[in-house]
Structures are given as structure tokens and as C-alpha cells.
């Protein structure tokens, strides 16, 4: 299966936007309530791991890293 580079880029931009939202929530620039803050840290770690995996996959798919 071939994934077009535009799909890889769109996924990366989406993850970056969600990560920026998590940072804004963590700095309490945006407030959702007590219950949301309980899960905020673990969701941020998960999103950071997904972003790193996505970046690595994108670099492999675009040929910057050869496997």
C-alpha cells in the first residue's frame, strides 16, 4: 500500500495542532475543568509518542531514512 506524501503531511499537521492544544490546556490558557486535567498528562504523552512515530514513518516513506 502506498501512502501519498500529502496524507503523511496532513497527519503530521493534525498531530501538531492537537499537541499545541494539549500544551495550551497544560499551561491553563484554555480551561475545561477538573476532570479533564486528570487525563491531560497521559493523553499528552500518548500524542507525543504518536507524533514521533508518525514523523519517523514519514521520513522513511519519503526516503530520508533508509531501512
N, C-alpha and C. Protein backbone atom coordinates (compact mmCIF):
# COMPACT_ATOMS: atom_id res chain seq x y z
N UNK A 1 0.84 -1.18 0.00
CA UNK A 1 0.00 0.00 0.00
C UNK A 1 0.89 1.24 0.00
N UNK A 2 0.61 2.16 -0.89
CA UNK A 2 1.38 3.39 -0.99
C UNK A 2 0.57 4.53 -0.40
N UNK A 3 1.18 5.24 0.52
CA UNK A 3 0.52 6.39 1.14
C UNK A 3 1.09 7.65 0.50
N UNK A 4 0.23 8.47 -0.09
CA UNK A 4 0.72 9.70 -0.72
C UNK A 4 1.36 10.64 0.31
N UNK A 5 2.39 11.37 -0.08
CA UNK A 5 3.04 12.30 0.85
C UNK A 5 2.10 13.34 1.44
N UNK A 6 1.06 13.74 0.71
CA UNK A 6 0.14 14.74 1.24
C UNK A 6 -0.63 14.20 2.44
N UNK A 7 -0.92 12.90 2.45
CA UNK A 7 -1.61 12.28 3.59
C UNK A 7 -0.68 12.26 4.80
N UNK A 8 0.58 11.95 4.57
CA UNK A 8 1.56 11.96 5.66
C UNK A 8 1.68 13.37 6.24
N UNK A 9 1.76 14.36 5.37
CA UNK A 9 1.88 15.74 5.83
C UNK A 9 0.62 16.18 6.58
N UNK A 10 -0.55 15.82 6.08
CA UNK A 10 -1.81 16.19 6.75
C UNK A 10 -1.90 15.56 8.14
N UNK A 11 -1.49 14.31 8.25
CA UNK A 11 -1.49 13.65 9.55
C UNK A 11 -0.54 14.31 10.52
N UNK A 12 0.63 14.69 10.04
CA UNK A 12 1.60 15.37 10.89
C UNK A 12 1.11 16.73 11.36
N UNK A 13 0.49 17.48 10.47
CA UNK A 13 -0.05 18.79 10.84
C UNK A 13 -1.18 18.63 11.85
N UNK A 14 -2.02 17.62 11.67
CA UNK A 14 -3.11 17.37 12.62
C UNK A 14 -2.57 17.03 14.00
N UNK A 15 -1.57 16.15 14.05
CA UNK A 15 -0.97 15.80 15.34
C UNK A 15 -0.32 17.02 15.99
N UNK A 16 0.34 17.85 15.20
CA UNK A 16 0.97 19.05 15.74
C UNK A 16 -0.07 20.00 16.31
N UNK A 17 -1.20 20.15 15.63
CA UNK A 17 -2.26 21.03 16.13
C UNK A 17 -2.84 20.50 17.44
N UNK A 18 -3.06 19.19 17.52
CA UNK A 18 -3.59 18.61 18.75
C UNK A 18 -2.58 18.72 19.89
N UNK A 19 -1.30 18.56 19.58
CA UNK A 19 -0.27 18.71 20.60
C UNK A 19 -0.21 20.15 21.10
N UNK A 20 -0.37 21.12 20.20
CA UNK A 20 -0.40 22.53 20.60
C UNK A 20 -1.61 22.79 21.51
N UNK A 21 -2.74 22.17 21.21
CA UNK A 21 -3.93 22.31 22.07
C UNK A 21 -3.64 21.74 23.46
N UNK A 22 -2.97 20.58 23.51
CA UNK A 22 -2.64 19.98 24.81
C UNK A 22 -1.70 20.90 25.60
N UNK A 23 -0.75 21.52 24.93
CA UNK A 23 0.16 22.44 25.62
C UNK A 23 -0.62 23.63 26.18
N UNK A 24 -1.54 24.17 25.39
CA UNK A 24 -2.36 25.30 25.85
C UNK A 24 -3.20 24.90 27.05
N UNK A 25 -3.72 23.68 27.05
CA UNK A 25 -4.51 23.21 28.20
C UNK A 25 -3.61 23.03 29.41
N UNK A 26 -2.41 22.47 29.19
CA UNK A 26 -1.47 22.25 30.29
C UNK A 26 -1.01 23.54 30.93
N UNK A 27 -0.85 24.58 30.15
CA UNK A 27 -0.46 25.88 30.70
C UNK A 27 -1.66 26.66 31.22
N UNK A 28 -2.81 26.05 31.12
CA UNK A 28 -4.09 26.60 31.60
C UNK A 28 -4.48 27.89 30.90
N UNK A 29 -4.09 27.99 29.63
CA UNK A 29 -4.57 29.09 28.80
C UNK A 29 -6.00 28.80 28.38
N UNK A 30 -6.34 27.51 28.30
CA UNK A 30 -7.69 27.05 27.99
C UNK A 30 -8.12 26.17 29.16
N UNK A 31 -9.32 26.38 29.68
CA UNK A 31 -9.77 25.61 30.84
C UNK A 31 -11.00 24.79 30.50
N UNK A 32 -10.95 23.50 30.88
CA UNK A 32 -12.07 22.61 30.65
C UNK A 32 -12.67 22.07 31.93
N UNK A 33 -11.96 22.14 33.02
CA UNK A 33 -12.48 21.64 34.28
C UNK A 33 -11.53 20.65 34.92
N UNK A 34 -11.89 20.22 36.15
CA UNK A 34 -11.02 19.33 36.92
C UNK A 34 -10.85 17.96 36.30
N UNK A 35 -11.93 17.38 35.84
CA UNK A 35 -11.88 16.01 35.31
C UNK A 35 -10.96 15.89 34.11
N UNK A 36 -10.93 16.92 33.30
CA UNK A 36 -10.11 16.87 32.10
C UNK A 36 -8.63 16.90 32.46
N UNK A 37 -8.25 17.65 33.47
CA UNK A 37 -6.84 17.76 33.84
C UNK A 37 -6.28 16.44 34.35
N UNK A 38 -7.15 15.57 34.89
CA UNK A 38 -6.70 14.28 35.39
C UNK A 38 -6.09 13.44 34.27
N UNK A 39 -6.66 13.50 33.09
CA UNK A 39 -6.21 12.69 31.97
C UNK A 39 -5.27 13.44 31.03
N UNK A 40 -5.11 14.72 31.25
CA UNK A 40 -4.34 15.56 30.33
C UNK A 40 -2.90 15.07 30.14
N UNK A 41 -2.22 14.74 31.22
CA UNK A 41 -0.81 14.37 31.13
C UNK A 41 -0.62 13.11 30.31
N UNK A 42 -1.44 12.09 30.54
CA UNK A 42 -1.26 10.82 29.82
C UNK A 42 -1.64 10.96 28.36
N UNK A 43 -2.64 11.76 28.07
CA UNK A 43 -3.01 12.00 26.66
C UNK A 43 -1.88 12.75 25.96
N UNK A 44 -1.26 13.69 26.65
CA UNK A 44 -0.14 14.44 26.06
C UNK A 44 1.04 13.51 25.77
N UNK A 45 1.35 12.58 26.68
CA UNK A 45 2.43 11.62 26.44
C UNK A 45 2.10 10.72 25.25
N UNK A 46 0.87 10.26 25.18
CA UNK A 46 0.46 9.41 24.06
C UNK A 46 0.56 10.17 22.74
N UNK A 47 0.12 11.41 22.73
CA UNK A 47 0.18 12.20 21.50
C UNK A 47 1.62 12.48 21.09
N UNK A 48 2.50 12.72 22.06
CA UNK A 48 3.91 12.94 21.73
C UNK A 48 4.52 11.68 21.12
N UNK A 49 4.18 10.51 21.67
CA UNK A 49 4.68 9.25 21.12
C UNK A 49 4.14 9.03 19.71
N UNK A 50 2.86 9.31 19.50
CA UNK A 50 2.28 9.16 18.16
C UNK A 50 2.93 10.13 17.17
N UNK A 51 3.21 11.35 17.61
CA UNK A 51 3.84 12.32 16.73
C UNK A 51 5.24 11.87 16.33
N UNK A 52 6.01 11.33 17.29
CA UNK A 52 7.35 10.84 16.97
C UNK A 52 7.29 9.65 16.02
N UNK A 53 6.36 8.73 16.27
CA UNK A 53 6.20 7.59 15.37
C UNK A 53 5.78 8.02 13.98
N UNK A 54 4.91 8.99 13.93
CA UNK A 54 4.43 9.50 12.65
C UNK A 54 5.55 10.20 11.89
N UNK A 55 6.36 10.96 12.60
CA UNK A 55 7.49 11.64 11.96
C UNK A 55 8.49 10.63 11.42
N UNK A 56 8.78 9.60 12.19
CA UNK A 56 9.72 8.57 11.74
C UNK A 56 9.17 7.85 10.51
N UNK A 57 7.89 7.48 10.56
CA UNK A 57 7.27 6.82 9.41
C UNK A 57 7.26 7.71 8.17
N UNK A 58 7.01 8.98 8.37
CA UNK A 58 7.02 9.92 7.25
C UNK A 58 8.41 10.06 6.64
N UNK A 59 9.43 10.12 7.48
CA UNK A 59 10.80 10.23 6.97
C UNK A 59 11.21 8.97 6.22
N UNK A 60 10.77 7.81 6.69
CA UNK A 60 11.06 6.56 5.98
C UNK A 60 10.32 6.55 4.64
N UNK A 61 9.04 6.93 4.66
CA UNK A 61 8.24 6.90 3.43
C UNK A 61 8.76 7.88 2.38
N UNK A 62 9.28 9.01 2.82
CA UNK A 62 9.80 10.00 1.88
C UNK A 62 11.24 9.73 1.46
N UNK A 63 11.86 8.72 2.06
CA UNK A 63 13.19 8.31 1.64
C UNK A 63 14.33 9.01 2.35
N UNK A 64 14.05 9.78 3.39
CA UNK A 64 15.12 10.44 4.13
C UNK A 64 15.87 9.47 5.04
N UNK A 65 15.18 8.42 5.48
CA UNK A 65 15.79 7.37 6.29
C UNK A 65 15.60 6.06 5.54
N UNK A 66 16.67 5.37 5.27
CA UNK A 66 16.57 4.10 4.54
C UNK A 66 16.56 2.93 5.50
N UNK A 67 15.61 2.05 5.31
CA UNK A 67 15.55 0.83 6.13
C UNK A 67 15.71 -0.39 5.27
